[in-house]
PDB file of N, CA and C in Angstrom:
ATOM      1  N   MET A   1      -4.139  35.669   5.252  1.00  0.00           N
ATOM      2  CA  MET A   1      -3.655  35.428   6.602  1.00  0.00           C
ATOM      3  C   MET A   1      -3.628  33.933   6.918  1.00  0.00           C
ATOM      4  N   LEU A   2      -4.682  33.222   6.509  1.00  0.00           N
ATOM      5  CA  LEU A   2      -4.745  31.791   6.768  1.00  0.00           C
ATOM      6  C   LEU A   2      -3.631  31.059   6.036  1.00  0.00           C
ATOM      7  N   PHE A   3      -3.309  31.521   4.825  1.00  0.00           N
ATOM      8  CA  PHE A   3      -2.230  30.887   4.065  1.00  0.00           C
ATOM      9  C   PHE A   3      -0.892  31.034   4.786  1.00  0.00           C
ATOM     10  N   ILE A   4      -0.642  32.200   5.379  1.00  0.00           N
ATOM     11  CA  ILE A   4       0.620  32.426   6.101  1.00  0.00           C
ATOM     12  C   ILE A   4       0.707  31.496   7.305  1.00  0.00           C
ATOM     13  N   LEU A   5      -0.379  31.386   8.052  1.00  0.00           N
ATOM     14  CA  LEU A   5      -0.402  30.492   9.212  1.00  0.00           C
ATOM     15  C   LEU A   5      -0.231  29.040   8.775  1.00  0.00           C
ATOM     16  N   PHE A   6      -0.947  28.636   7.744  1.00  0.00           N
ATOM     17  CA  PHE A   6      -0.824  27.283   7.195  1.00  0.00           C
ATOM     18  C   PHE A   6       0.616  26.995   6.778  1.00  0.00           C
ATOM     19  N   THR A   7       1.223  27.928   6.067  1.00  0.00           N
ATOM     20  CA  THR A   7       2.600  27.745   5.594  1.00  0.00           C
ATOM     21  C   THR A   7       3.563  27.631   6.765  1.00  0.00           C
ATOM     22  N   ALA A   8       3.442  28.516   7.745  1.00  0.00           N
ATOM     23  CA  ALA A   8       4.353  28.499   8.889  1.00  0.00           C
ATOM     24  C   ALA A   8       4.236  27.203   9.679  1.00  0.00           C
ATOM     25  N   VAL A   9       3.010  26.785   9.962  1.00  0.00           N
ATOM     26  CA  VAL A   9       2.808  25.563  10.754  1.00  0.00           C
ATOM     27  C   VAL A   9       3.273  24.331   9.976  1.00  0.00           C
ATOM     28  N   THR A  10       2.986  24.290   8.691  1.00  0.00           N
ATOM     29  CA  THR A  10       3.376  23.134   7.889  1.00  0.00           C
ATOM     30  C   THR A  10       4.891  23.040   7.752  1.00  0.00           C
ATOM     31  N   VAL A  11       5.554  24.156   7.525  1.00  0.00           N
ATOM     32  CA  VAL A  11       7.022  24.146   7.429  1.00  0.00           C
ATOM     33  C   VAL A  11       7.631  23.760   8.783  1.00  0.00           C
ATOM     34  N   LEU A  12       7.074  24.269   9.869  1.00  0.00           N
ATOM     35  CA  LEU A  12       7.554  23.892  11.203  1.00  0.00           C
ATOM     36  C   LEU A  12       7.365  22.393  11.451  1.00  0.00           C
ATOM     37  N   THR A  13       6.214  21.864  11.067  1.00  0.00           N
ATOM     38  CA  THR A  13       5.940  20.435  11.237  1.00  0.00           C
ATOM     39  C   THR A  13       6.910  19.593  10.415  1.00  0.00           C
ATOM     40  N   ALA A  14       7.153  20.011   9.184  1.00  0.00           N
ATOM     41  CA  ALA A  14       8.101  19.291   8.330  1.00  0.00           C
ATOM     42  C   ALA A  14       9.510  19.362   8.906  1.00  0.00           C
ATOM     43  N   ALA A  15       9.913  20.517   9.386  1.00  0.00           N
ATOM     44  CA  ALA A  15      11.258  20.674   9.959  1.00  0.00           C
ATOM     45  C   ALA A  15      11.422  19.827  11.217  1.00  0.00           C
ATOM     46  N   ALA A  16      10.416  19.834  12.081  1.00  0.00           N
ATOM     47  CA  ALA A  16      10.497  19.045  13.314  1.00  0.00           C
ATOM     48  C   ALA A  16      10.592  17.557  13.003  1.00  0.00           C
ATOM     49  N   ASN A  17       9.820  17.097  12.033  1.00  0.00           N
ATOM     50  CA  ASN A  17       9.858  15.675  11.679  1.00  0.00           C
ATOM     51  C   ASN A  17      11.156  15.304  10.970  1.00  0.00           C
ATOM     52  N   THR A  18      11.690  16.217  10.182  1.00  0.00           N
ATOM     53  CA  THR A  18      12.984  15.972   9.546  1.00  0.00           C
ATOM     54  C   THR A  18      14.072  15.847  10.607  1.00  0.00           C
ATOM     55  N   MET A  19      14.069  16.761  11.562  1.00  0.00           N
ATOM     56  CA  MET A  19      15.045  16.710  12.647  1.00  0.00           C
ATOM     57  C   MET A  19      14.917  15.406  13.434  1.00  0.00           C
ATOM     58  N   SER A  20      13.697  15.024  13.736  1.00  0.00           N
ATOM     59  CA  SER A  20      13.466  13.793  14.482  1.00  0.00           C
ATOM     60  C   SER A  20      13.939  12.574  13.686  1.00  0.00           C
ATOM     61  N   ALA A  21      13.697  12.565  12.391  1.00  0.00           N
ATOM     62  CA  ALA A  21      14.146  11.450  11.552  1.00  0.00           C
ATOM     63  C   ALA A  21      15.670  11.363  11.537  1.00  0.00           C
ATOM     64  N   VAL A  22      16.323  12.507  11.410  1.00  0.00           N
ATOM     65  CA  VAL A  22      17.788  12.523  11.410  1.00  0.00           C
ATOM     66  C   VAL A  22      18.323  11.986  12.730  1.00  0.00           C
ATOM     67  N   LEU A  23      17.714  12.386  13.829  1.00  0.00           N
ATOM     68  CA  LEU A  23      18.139  11.873  15.139  1.00  0.00           C
ATOM     69  C   LEU A  23      17.905  10.374  15.243  1.00  0.00           C
ATOM     70  N   ASP A  24      16.822   9.895  14.652  1.00  0.00           N
ATOM     71  CA  ASP A  24      16.583   8.447  14.609  1.00  0.00           C
ATOM     72  C   ASP A  24      17.681   7.749  13.821  1.00  0.00           C
ATOM     73  N   PHE A  25      18.020   8.276  12.659  1.00  0.00           N
ATOM     74  CA  PHE A  25      19.042   7.665  11.811  1.00  0.00           C
ATOM     75  C   PHE A  25      20.415   7.670  12.490  1.00  0.00           C
ATOM     76  N   ARG A  26      20.675   8.703  13.294  1.00  0.00           N
ATOM     77  CA  ARG A  26      21.961   8.810  13.988  1.00  0.00           C
ATOM     78  C   ARG A  26      21.960   8.049  15.310  1.00  0.00           C
ATOM     79  N   ARG A  27      20.803   7.477  15.672  1.00  0.00           N
ATOM     80  CA  ARG A  27      20.665   6.710  16.912  1.00  0.00           C
ATOM     81  C   ARG A  27      21.051   7.565  18.132  1.00  0.00           C
ATOM     82  N   TYR A  28      20.450   8.721  18.196  1.00  0.00           N
ATOM     83  CA  TYR A  28      20.698   9.689  19.270  1.00  0.00           C
ATOM     84  C   TYR A  28      20.348   9.055  20.620  1.00  0.00           C
ATOM     85  N   GLU A  29      21.275   9.104  21.535  1.00  0.00           N
ATOM     86  CA  GLU A  29      21.171   8.376  22.803  1.00  0.00           C
ATOM     87  C   GLU A  29      19.868   8.659  23.578  1.00  0.00           C
ATOM     88  N   PRO A  30      19.451   9.920  23.756  1.00  0.00           N
ATOM     89  CA  PRO A  30      18.193  10.143  24.487  1.00  0.00           C
ATOM     90  C   PRO A  30      16.984   9.462  23.835  1.00  0.00           C
ATOM     91  N   ILE A  31      17.004   9.330  22.527  1.00  0.00           N
ATOM     92  CA  ILE A  31      15.902   8.634  21.852  1.00  0.00           C
ATOM     93  C   ILE A  31      15.945   7.157  22.201  1.00  0.00           C
ATOM     94  N   LEU A  32      17.133   6.587  22.233  1.00  0.00           N
ATOM     95  CA  LEU A  32      17.268   5.176  22.598  1.00  0.00           C
ATOM     96  C   LEU A  32      16.756   4.925  24.011  1.00  0.00           C
ATOM     97  N   VAL A  33      17.046   5.843  24.922  1.00  0.00           N
ATOM     98  CA  VAL A  33      16.576   5.719  26.309  1.00  0.00           C
ATOM     99  C   VAL A  33      15.052   5.776  26.351  1.00  0.00           C
ATOM    100  N   ASN A  34      14.457   6.735  25.616  1.00  0.00           N
ATOM    101  CA  ASN A  34      12.995   6.863  25.600  1.00  0.00           C
ATOM    102  C   ASN A  34      12.332   5.643  24.980  1.00  0.00           C
ATOM    103  N   MET A  35      12.945   5.092  23.948  1.00  0.00           N
ATOM    104  CA  MET A  35      12.376   3.896  23.316  1.00  0.00           C
ATOM    105  C   MET A  35      12.396   2.717  24.281  1.00  0.00           C
ATOM    106  N   GLU A  36      13.480   2.606  25.035  1.00  0.00           N
ATOM    107  CA  GLU A  36      13.561   1.522  26.018  1.00  0.00           C
ATOM    108  C   GLU A  36      12.481   1.677  27.078  1.00  0.00           C
ATOM    109  N   LYS A  37      12.272   2.899  27.562  1.00  0.00           N
ATOM    110  CA  LYS A  37      11.227   3.158  28.565  1.00  0.00           C
ATOM    111  C   LYS A  37       9.845   2.787  28.033  1.00  0.00           C
ATOM    112  N   ALA A  38       9.629   3.044  26.737  1.00  0.00           N
ATOM    113  CA  ALA A  38       8.321   2.786  26.132  1.00  0.00           C
ATOM    114  C   ALA A  38       8.181   1.339  25.663  1.00  0.00           C
ATOM    115  N   GLY A  39       9.253   0.565  25.735  1.00  0.00           N
ATOM    116  CA  GLY A  39       9.190  -0.828  25.323  1.00  0.00           C
ATOM    117  C   GLY A  39       9.235  -1.027  23.820  1.00  0.00           C
ATOM    118  N   VAL A  40       9.812  -0.068  23.107  1.00  0.00           N
ATOM    119  CA  VAL A  40       9.917  -0.160  21.647  1.00  0.00           C
ATOM    120  C   VAL A  40      11.295  -0.716  21.302  1.00  0.00           C
ATOM    121  N   PRO A  41      11.358  -1.761  20.483  1.00  0.00           N
ATOM    122  CA  PRO A  41      12.672  -2.312  20.131  1.00  0.00           C
ATOM    123  C   PRO A  41      13.514  -1.312  19.341  1.00  0.00           C
ATOM    124  N   VAL A  42      14.772  -1.229  19.682  1.00  0.00           N
ATOM    125  CA  VAL A  42      15.685  -0.314  19.007  1.00  0.00           C
ATOM    126  C   VAL A  42      15.794  -0.654  17.515  1.00  0.00           C
ATOM    127  N   SER A  43      15.563  -1.888  17.186  1.00  0.00           N
ATOM    128  CA  SER A  43      15.651  -2.297  15.777  1.00  0.00           C
ATOM    129  C   SER A  43      14.609  -1.600  14.898  1.00  0.00           C
ATOM    130  N   SER A  44      13.581  -1.036  15.490  1.00  0.00           N
ATOM    131  CA  SER A  44      12.547  -0.350  14.711  1.00  0.00           C
ATOM    132  C   SER A  44      12.880   1.123  14.468  1.00  0.00           C
ATOM    133  N   LEU A  45      13.990   1.598  15.022  1.00  0.00           N
ATOM    134  CA  LEU A  45      14.330   3.015  14.947  1.00  0.00           C
ATOM    135  C   LEU A  45      14.477   3.514  13.512  1.00  0.00           C
ATOM    136  N   PHE A  46      15.154   2.760  12.673  1.00  0.00           N
ATOM    137  CA  PHE A  46      15.352   3.192  11.278  1.00  0.00           C
ATOM    138  C   PHE A  46      14.002   3.318  10.564  1.00  0.00           C
ATOM    139  N   GLY A  47      13.137   2.345  10.722  1.00  0.00           N
ATOM    140  CA  GLY A  47      11.823   2.390  10.073  1.00  0.00           C
ATOM    141  C   GLY A  47      10.981   3.562  10.550  1.00  0.00           C
ATOM    142  N   LEU A  48      11.053   3.865  11.834  1.00  0.00           N
ATOM    143  CA  LEU A  48      10.316   5.018  12.366  1.00  0.00           C
ATOM    144  C   LEU A  48      10.863   6.317  11.761  1.00  0.00           C
ATOM    145  N   GLY A  49      12.180   6.381  11.616  1.00  0.00           N
ATOM    146  CA  GLY A  49      12.789   7.557  10.986  1.00  0.00           C
ATOM    147  C   GLY A  49      12.356   7.717   9.537  1.00  0.00           C
ATOM    148  N   VAL A  50      12.270   6.597   8.820  1.00  0.00           N
ATOM    149  CA  VAL A  50      11.826   6.646   7.420  1.00  0.00           C
ATOM    150  C   VAL A  50      10.399   7.194   7.342  1.00  0.00           C
ATOM    151  N   LEU A  51       9.529   6.739   8.237  1.00  0.00           N
ATOM    152  CA  LEU A  51       8.141   7.227   8.224  1.00  0.00           C
ATOM    153  C   LEU A  51       8.070   8.725   8.508  1.00  0.00           C
ATOM    154  N   LYS A  52       8.856   9.198   9.466  1.00  0.00           N
ATOM    155  CA  LYS A  52       8.868  10.635   9.774  1.00  0.00           C
ATOM    156  C   LYS A  52       9.414  11.441   8.594  1.00  0.00           C
ATOM    157  N   ALA A  53      10.491  10.948   7.981  1.00  0.00           N
ATOM    158  CA  ALA A  53      11.073  11.651   6.832  1.00  0.00           C
ATOM    159  C   ALA A  53      10.100  11.685   5.663  1.00  0.00           C
ATOM    160  N   ALA A  54       9.417  10.578   5.430  1.00  0.00           N
ATOM    161  CA  ALA A  54       8.426  10.538   4.350  1.00  0.00           C
ATOM    162  C   ALA A  54       7.280  11.507   4.627  1.00  0.00           C
ATOM    163  N   GLY A  55       6.854  11.573   5.877  1.00  0.00           N
ATOM    164  CA  GLY A  55       5.797  12.522   6.236  1.00  0.00           C
ATOM    165  C   GLY A  55       6.228  13.962   6.020  1.00  0.00           C
ATOM    166  N   ALA A  56       7.462  14.271   6.414  1.00  0.00           N
ATOM    167  CA  ALA A  56       7.981  15.627   6.228  1.00  0.00           C
ATOM    168  C   ALA A  56       8.072  15.967   4.744  1.00  0.00           C
ATOM    169  N   ALA A  57       8.578  15.044   3.949  1.00  0.00           N
ATOM    170  CA  ALA A  57       8.676  15.283   2.505  1.00  0.00           C
ATOM    171  C   ALA A  57       7.288  15.461   1.894  1.00  0.00           C
ATOM    172  N   GLY A  58       6.335  14.655   2.337  1.00  0.00           N
ATOM    173  CA  GLY A  58       4.974  14.768   1.829  1.00  0.00           C
ATOM    174  C   GLY A  58       4.336  16.103   2.173  1.00  0.00           C
ATOM    175  N   LEU A  59       4.611  16.610   3.370  1.00  0.00           N
ATOM    176  CA  LEU A  59       4.080  17.930   3.744  1.00  0.00           C
ATOM    177  C   LEU A  59       4.597  19.000   2.796  1.00  0.00           C
ATOM    178  N   LEU A  60       5.887  18.959   2.508  1.00  0.00           N
ATOM    179  CA  LEU A  60       6.468  19.971   1.619  1.00  0.00           C
ATOM    180  C   LEU A  60       5.996  19.796   0.183  1.00  0.00           C
ATOM    181  N   LEU A  61       5.884  18.559  -0.255  1.00  0.00           N
ATOM    182  CA  LEU A  61       5.371  18.294  -1.603  1.00  0.00           C
ATOM    183  C   LEU A  61       3.911  18.748  -1.723  1.00  0.00           C
ATOM    184  N   GLY A  62       3.226  18.781  -0.595  1.00  0.00           N
ATOM    185  CA  GLY A  62       1.836  19.210  -0.571  1.00  0.00           C
ATOM    186  C   GLY A  62       1.612  20.643  -1.016  1.00  0.00           C
ATOM    187  N   PHE A  63       2.656  21.459  -0.993  1.00  0.00           N
ATOM    188  CA  PHE A  63       2.492  22.821  -1.502  1.00  0.00           C
ATOM    189  C   PHE A  63       2.269  22.802  -3.011  1.00  0.00           C
ATOM    190  N   ALA A  64       2.791  21.778  -3.687  1.00  0.00           N
ATOM    191  CA  ALA A  64       2.594  21.639  -5.130  1.00  0.00           C
ATOM    192  C   ALA A  64       1.426  20.711  -5.452  1.00  0.00           C
ATOM    193  N   VAL A  65       1.259  19.673  -4.647  1.00  0.00           N
ATOM    194  CA  VAL A  65       0.194  18.685  -4.856  1.00  0.00           C
ATOM    195  C   VAL A  65      -0.580  18.568  -3.536  1.00  0.00           C
ATOM    196  N   PRO A  66      -1.622  19.369  -3.354  1.00  0.00           N
ATOM    197  CA  PRO A  66      -2.308  19.448  -2.068  1.00  0.00           C
ATOM    198  C   PRO A  66      -2.767  18.102  -1.495  1.00  0.00           C
ATOM    199  N   LEU A  67      -3.208  17.189  -2.335  1.00  0.00           N
ATOM    200  CA  LEU A  67      -3.677  15.900  -1.829  1.00  0.00           C
ATOM    201  C   LEU A  67      -2.561  15.139  -1.116  1.00  0.00           C
ATOM    202  N   ILE A  68      -1.346  15.242  -1.616  1.00  0.00           N
ATOM    203  CA  ILE A  68      -0.218  14.575  -0.968  1.00  0.00           C
ATOM    204  C   ILE A  68       0.056  15.211   0.397  1.00  0.00           C
ATOM    205  N   GLY A  69      -0.018  16.516   0.477  1.00  0.00           N
ATOM    206  CA  GLY A  69       0.172  17.197   1.754  1.00  0.00           C
ATOM    207  C   GLY A  69      -0.878  16.808   2.778  1.00  0.00           C
ATOM    208  N   THR A  70      -2.108  16.711   2.330  1.00  0.00           N
ATOM    209  CA  THR A  70      -3.188  16.298   3.232  1.00  0.00           C
ATOM    210  C   THR A  70      -2.967  14.874   3.718  1.00  0.00           C
ATOM    211  N   ALA A  71      -2.601  13.990   2.799  1.00  0.00           N
ATOM    212  CA  ALA A  71      -2.333  12.599   3.173  1.00  0.00           C
ATOM    213  C   ALA A  71      -1.148  12.505   4.132  1.00  0.00           C
ATOM    214  N   ALA A  72      -0.112  13.295   3.894  1.00  0.00           N
ATOM    215  CA  ALA A  72       1.065  13.274   4.768  1.00  0.00           C
ATOM    216  C   ALA A  72       0.719  13.761   6.168  1.00  0.00           C
ATOM    217  N   ALA A  73      -0.056  14.830   6.251  1.00  0.00           N
ATOM    218  CA  ALA A  73      -0.452  15.356   7.563  1.00  0.00           C
ATOM    219  C   ALA A  73      -1.312  14.333   8.312  1.00  0.00           C
ATOM    220  N   ALA A  74      -2.237  13.706   7.596  1.00  0.00           N
ATOM    221  CA  ALA A  74      -3.081  12.680   8.232  1.00  0.00           C
ATOM    222  C   ALA A  74      -2.232  11.484   8.663  1.00  0.00           C
ATOM    223  N   GLY A  75      -1.289  11.077   7.820  1.00  0.00           N
ATOM    224  CA  GLY A  75      -0.414   9.962   8.164  1.00  0.00           C
ATOM    225  C   GLY A  75       0.432  10.256   9.382  1.00  0.00           C
ATOM    226  N   LEU A  76       0.986  11.464   9.456  1.00  0.00           N
ATOM    227  CA  LEU A  76       1.773  11.836  10.630  1.00  0.00           C
ATOM    228  C   LEU A  76       0.902  11.888  11.883  1.00  0.00           C
ATOM    229  N   ALA A  77      -0.320  12.386  11.745  1.00  0.00           N
ATOM    230  CA  ALA A  77      -1.223  12.420  12.898  1.00  0.00           C
ATOM    231  C   ALA A  77      -1.490  11.002  13.407  1.00  0.00           C
ATOM    232  N   LEU A  78      -1.762  10.083  12.507  1.00  0.00           N
ATOM    233  CA  LEU A  78      -1.989   8.691  12.913  1.00  0.00           C
ATOM    234  C   LEU A  78      -0.733   8.084  13.529  1.00  0.00           C
ATOM    235  N   PHE A  79       0.420   8.364  12.947  1.00  0.00           N
ATOM    236  CA  PHE A  79       1.688   7.875  13.477  1.00  0.00           C
ATOM    237  C   PHE A  79       1.867   8.326  14.927  1.00  0.00           C
ATOM    238  N   PHE A  80       1.625   9.606  15.189  1.00  0.00           N
ATOM    239  CA  PHE A  80       1.864  10.128  16.535  1.00  0.00           C
ATOM    240  C   PHE A  80       0.742   9.779  17.510  1.00  0.00           C
ATOM    241  N   ILE A  81      -0.457   9.491  17.020  1.00  0.00           N
ATOM    242  CA  ILE A  81      -1.477   8.921  17.908  1.00  0.00           C
ATOM    243  C   ILE A  81      -0.967   7.576  18.419  1.00  0.00           C
ATOM    244  N   GLY A  82      -0.400   6.789  17.505  1.00  0.00           N
ATOM    245  CA  GLY A  82       0.186   5.511  17.910  1.00  0.00           C
ATOM    246  C   GLY A  82       1.331   5.685  18.885  1.00  0.00           C
ATOM    247  N   ALA A  83       2.182   6.675  18.648  1.00  0.00           N
ATOM    248  CA  ALA A  83       3.326   6.916  19.530  1.00  0.00           C
ATOM    249  C   ALA A  83       2.874   7.314  20.936  1.00  0.00           C
ATOM    250  N   VAL A  84       1.888   8.189  21.014  1.00  0.00           N
ATOM    251  CA  VAL A  84       1.355   8.574  22.329  1.00  0.00           C
ATOM    252  C   VAL A  84       0.775   7.347  23.018  1.00  0.00           C
ATOM    253  N   GLY A  85       0.044   6.542  22.267  1.00  0.00           N
ATOM    254  CA  GLY A  85      -0.544   5.329  22.835  1.00  0.00           C
ATOM    255  C   GLY A  85       0.501   4.366  23.361  1.00  0.00           C
ATOM    256  N   VAL A  86       1.601   4.226  22.642  1.00  0.00           N
ATOM    257  CA  VAL A  86       2.683   3.332  23.094  1.00  0.00           C
ATOM    258  C   VAL A  86       3.254   3.832  24.421  1.00  0.00           C
ATOM    259  N   HIS A  87       3.470   5.122  24.523  1.00  0.00           N
ATOM    260  CA  HIS A  87       4.008   5.674  25.775  1.00  0.00           C
ATOM    261  C   HIS A  87       3.009   5.533  26.921  1.00  0.00           C
ATOM    262  N   LEU A  88       1.742   5.767  26.642  1.00  0.00           N
ATOM    263  CA  LEU A  88       0.727   5.624  27.695  1.00  0.00           C
ATOM    264  C   LEU A  88       0.596   4.176  28.138  1.00  0.00           C
ATOM    265  N   ARG A  89       0.618   3.252  27.185  1.00  0.00           N
ATOM    266  CA  ARG A  89       0.517   1.833  27.517  1.00  0.00           C
ATOM    267  C   ARG A  89       1.682   1.392  28.409  1.00  0.00           C
ATOM    268  N   ALA A  90       2.856   1.947  28.161  1.00  0.00           N
ATOM    269  CA  ALA A  90       4.040   1.597  28.949  1.00  0.00           C
ATOM    270  C   ALA A  90       4.110   2.377  30.261  1.00  0.00           C
ATOM    271  N   ARG A  91       3.117   3.224  30.491  1.00  0.00           N
ATOM    272  CA  ARG A  91       3.090   4.090  31.677  1.00  0.00           C
ATOM    273  C   ARG A  91       4.345   4.958  31.764  1.00  0.00           C
ATOM    274  N   ASP A  92       4.802   5.358  30.592  1.00  0.00           N
ATOM    275  CA  ASP A  92       5.969   6.218  30.469  1.00  0.00           C
ATOM    276  C   ASP A  92       5.474   7.653  30.313  1.00  0.00           C
ATOM    277  N   HIS A  93       6.037   8.547  31.081  1.00  0.00           N
ATOM    278  CA  HIS A  93       5.584   9.940  31.037  1.00  0.00           C
ATOM    279  C   HIS A  93       6.225  10.731  29.908  1.00  0.00           C
ATOM    280  N   GLY A  94       6.919  10.053  28.998  1.00  0.00           N
ATOM    281  CA  GLY A  94       7.534  10.723  27.868  1.00  0.00           C
ATOM    282  C   GLY A  94       6.578  10.933  26.708  1.00  0.00           C
ATOM    283  N   TYR A  95       5.282  10.854  26.948  1.00  0.00           N
ATOM    284  CA  TYR A  95       4.286  11.015  25.881  1.00  0.00           C
ATOM    285  C   TYR A  95       4.121  12.464  25.442  1.00  0.00           C
ATOM    286  N   TRP A  96       4.649  13.401  26.190  1.00  0.00           N
ATOM    287  CA  TRP A  96       4.455  14.813  25.847  1.00  0.00           C
ATOM    288  C   TRP A  96       5.119  15.167  24.520  1.00  0.00           C
ATOM    289  N   LEU A  97       6.278  14.569  24.220  1.00  0.00           N
ATOM    290  CA  LEU A  97       6.954  14.918  22.972  1.00  0.00           C
ATOM    291  C   LEU A  97       6.196  14.401  21.750  1.00  0.00           C
ATOM    292  N   PRO A  98       5.800  13.120  21.704  1.00  0.00           N
ATOM    293  CA  PRO A  98       4.972  12.724  20.567  1.00  0.00           C
ATOM    294  C   PRO A  98       3.634  13.467  20.553  1.00  0.00           C
ATOM    295  N   GLY A  99       3.165  13.880  21.729  1.00  0.00           N
ATOM    296  CA  GLY A  99       1.937  14.679  21.790  1.00  0.00           C
ATOM    297  C   GLY A  99       2.112  16.026  21.118  1.00  0.00           C
ATOM    298  N   LEU A 100       3.290  16.622  21.272  1.00  0.00           N
ATOM    299  CA  LEU A 100       3.586  17.886  20.601  1.00  0.00           C
ATOM    300  C   LEU A 100       3.651  17.688  19.087  1.00  0.00           C
ATOM    301  N   PHE A 101       4.303  16.607  18.651  1.00  0.00           N
ATOM    302  CA  PHE A 101       4.357  16.306  17.220  1.00  0.00           C
ATOM    303  C   PHE A 101       2.954  16.019  16.671  1.00  0.00           C
ATOM    304  N   LEU A 102       2.130  15.360  17.466  1.00  0.00           N
ATOM    305  CA  LEU A 102       0.742  15.099  17.071  1.00  0.00           C
ATOM    306  C   LEU A 102      -0.005  16.415  16.887  1.00  0.00           C
ATOM    307  N   ALA A 103       0.169  17.336  17.817  1.00  0.00           N
ATOM    308  CA  ALA A 103      -0.513  18.631  17.713  1.00  0.00           C
ATOM    309  C   ALA A 103      -0.083  19.379  16.450  1.00  0.00           C
ATOM    310  N   LEU A 104       1.206  19.321  16.129  1.00  0.00           N
ATOM    311  CA  LEU A 104       1.679  19.972  14.900  1.00  0.00           C
ATOM    312  C   LEU A 104       1.072  19.329  13.656  1.00  0.00           C
ATOM    313  N   ALA A 105       1.028  18.001  13.628  1.00  0.00           N
ATOM    314  CA  ALA A 105       0.467  17.299  12.464  1.00  0.00           C
ATOM    315  C   ALA A 105      -1.020  17.619  12.304  1.00  0.00           C
ATOM    316  N   VAL A 106      -1.757  17.620  13.410  1.00  0.00           N
ATOM    317  CA  VAL A 106      -3.193  17.921  13.349  1.00  0.00           C
ATOM    318  C   VAL A 106      -3.411  19.375  12.915  1.00  0.00           C
ATOM    319  N   ALA A 107      -2.575  20.273  13.421  1.00  0.00           N
ATOM    320  CA  ALA A 107      -2.696  21.679  13.009  1.00  0.00           C
ATOM    321  C   ALA A 107      -2.412  21.835  11.515  1.00  0.00           C
ATOM    322  N   SER A 108      -1.395  21.132  11.008  1.00  0.00           N
ATOM    323  CA  SER A 108      -1.100  21.185   9.576  1.00  0.00           C
ATOM    324  C   SER A 108      -2.268  20.647   8.757  1.00  0.00           C
ATOM    325  N   LEU A 109      -2.833  19.551   9.221  1.00  0.00           N
ATOM    326  CA  LEU A 109      -3.972  18.949   8.522  1.00  0.00           C
ATOM    327  C   LEU A 109      -5.166  19.903   8.524  1.00  0.00           C
ATOM    328  N   PHE A 110      -5.523  20.413   9.670  1.00  0.00           N
ATOM    329  CA  PHE A 110      -6.670  21.305   9.798  1.00  0.00           C
ATOM    330  C   PHE A 110      -6.482  22.578   8.976  1.00  0.00           C
ATOM    331  N   LEU A 111      -5.315  23.204   9.122  1.00  0.00           N
ATOM    332  CA  LEU A 111      -5.076  24.452   8.394  1.00  0.00           C
ATOM    333  C   LEU A 111      -5.017  24.227   6.885  1.00  0.00           C
ATOM    334  N   GLY A 112      -4.475  23.094   6.474  1.00  0.00           N
ATOM    335  CA  GLY A 112      -4.424  22.786   5.045  1.00  0.00           C
ATOM    336  C   GLY A 112      -5.798  22.635   4.447  1.00  0.00           C
ATOM    337  N   VAL A 113      -6.649  21.922   5.153  1.00  0.00           N
ATOM    338  CA  VAL A 113      -8.026  21.723   4.667  1.00  0.00           C
ATOM    339  C   VAL A 113      -8.788  23.045   4.702  1.00  0.00           C
ATOM    340  N   ALA A 114      -8.623  23.811   5.792  1.00  0.00           N
ATOM    341  CA  ALA A 114      -9.321  25.093   5.912  1.00  0.00           C
ATOM    342  C   ALA A 114      -8.832  26.085   4.861  1.00  0.00           C
ATOM    343  N   HIS A 115      -7.539  26.104   4.617  1.00  0.00           N
ATOM    344  CA  HIS A 115      -6.956  27.038   3.645  1.00  0.00           C
ATOM    345  C   HIS A 115      -7.465  26.745   2.224  1.00  0.00           C
ATOM    346  N   ARG A 116      -7.615  25.478   1.929  1.00  0.00           N
ATOM    347  CA  ARG A 116      -8.033  25.120   0.573  1.00  0.00           C
ATOM    348  C   ARG A 116      -9.552  25.231   0.390  1.00  0.00           C
ATOM    349  N   GLY A 117     -10.263  25.614   1.434  1.00  0.00           N
ATOM    350  CA  GLY A 117     -11.683  25.871   1.329  1.00  0.00           C
ATOM    351  C   GLY A 117     -12.557  24.632   1.249  1.00  0.00           C
ATOM    352  N   ALA A 118     -12.048  23.505   1.710  1.00  0.00           N
ATOM    353  CA  ALA A 118     -12.824  22.262   1.660  1.00  0.00           C
ATOM    354  C   ALA A 118     -13.901  22.235   2.749  1.00  0.00           C
ATOM    355  N   TRP A 119     -13.829  23.171   3.702  1.00  0.00           N
ATOM    356  CA  TRP A 119     -14.834  23.174   4.758  1.00  0.00           C
ATOM    357  C   TRP A 119     -15.796  24.299   4.541  1.00  0.00           C
TER     358      TRP A 119
END
């Protein structure tokens, strides 16, 4: 049962981050508006997309190489802690979306570690 939950959450997390990366690469207008509100330069959009795509790929690769999946989940969690912090610092109320991505990354990390019996 834990494996099914771990798989579902991890695939969902990877899919959400892949979608977000694609929107970053396409310079989706609502993302540009949110970045401006948060005070993030638009020039950083491509790099942020690369990090999200790498995290998503690492999560999926983690099914074959668990250490990579764990590292990817931890990296995404740290990335989205930073994103929430940027929105809070800017007093922008758009922190809920990176907060949702943070929750998915933390759930993937926790379930991955729990599933593999490291706890």
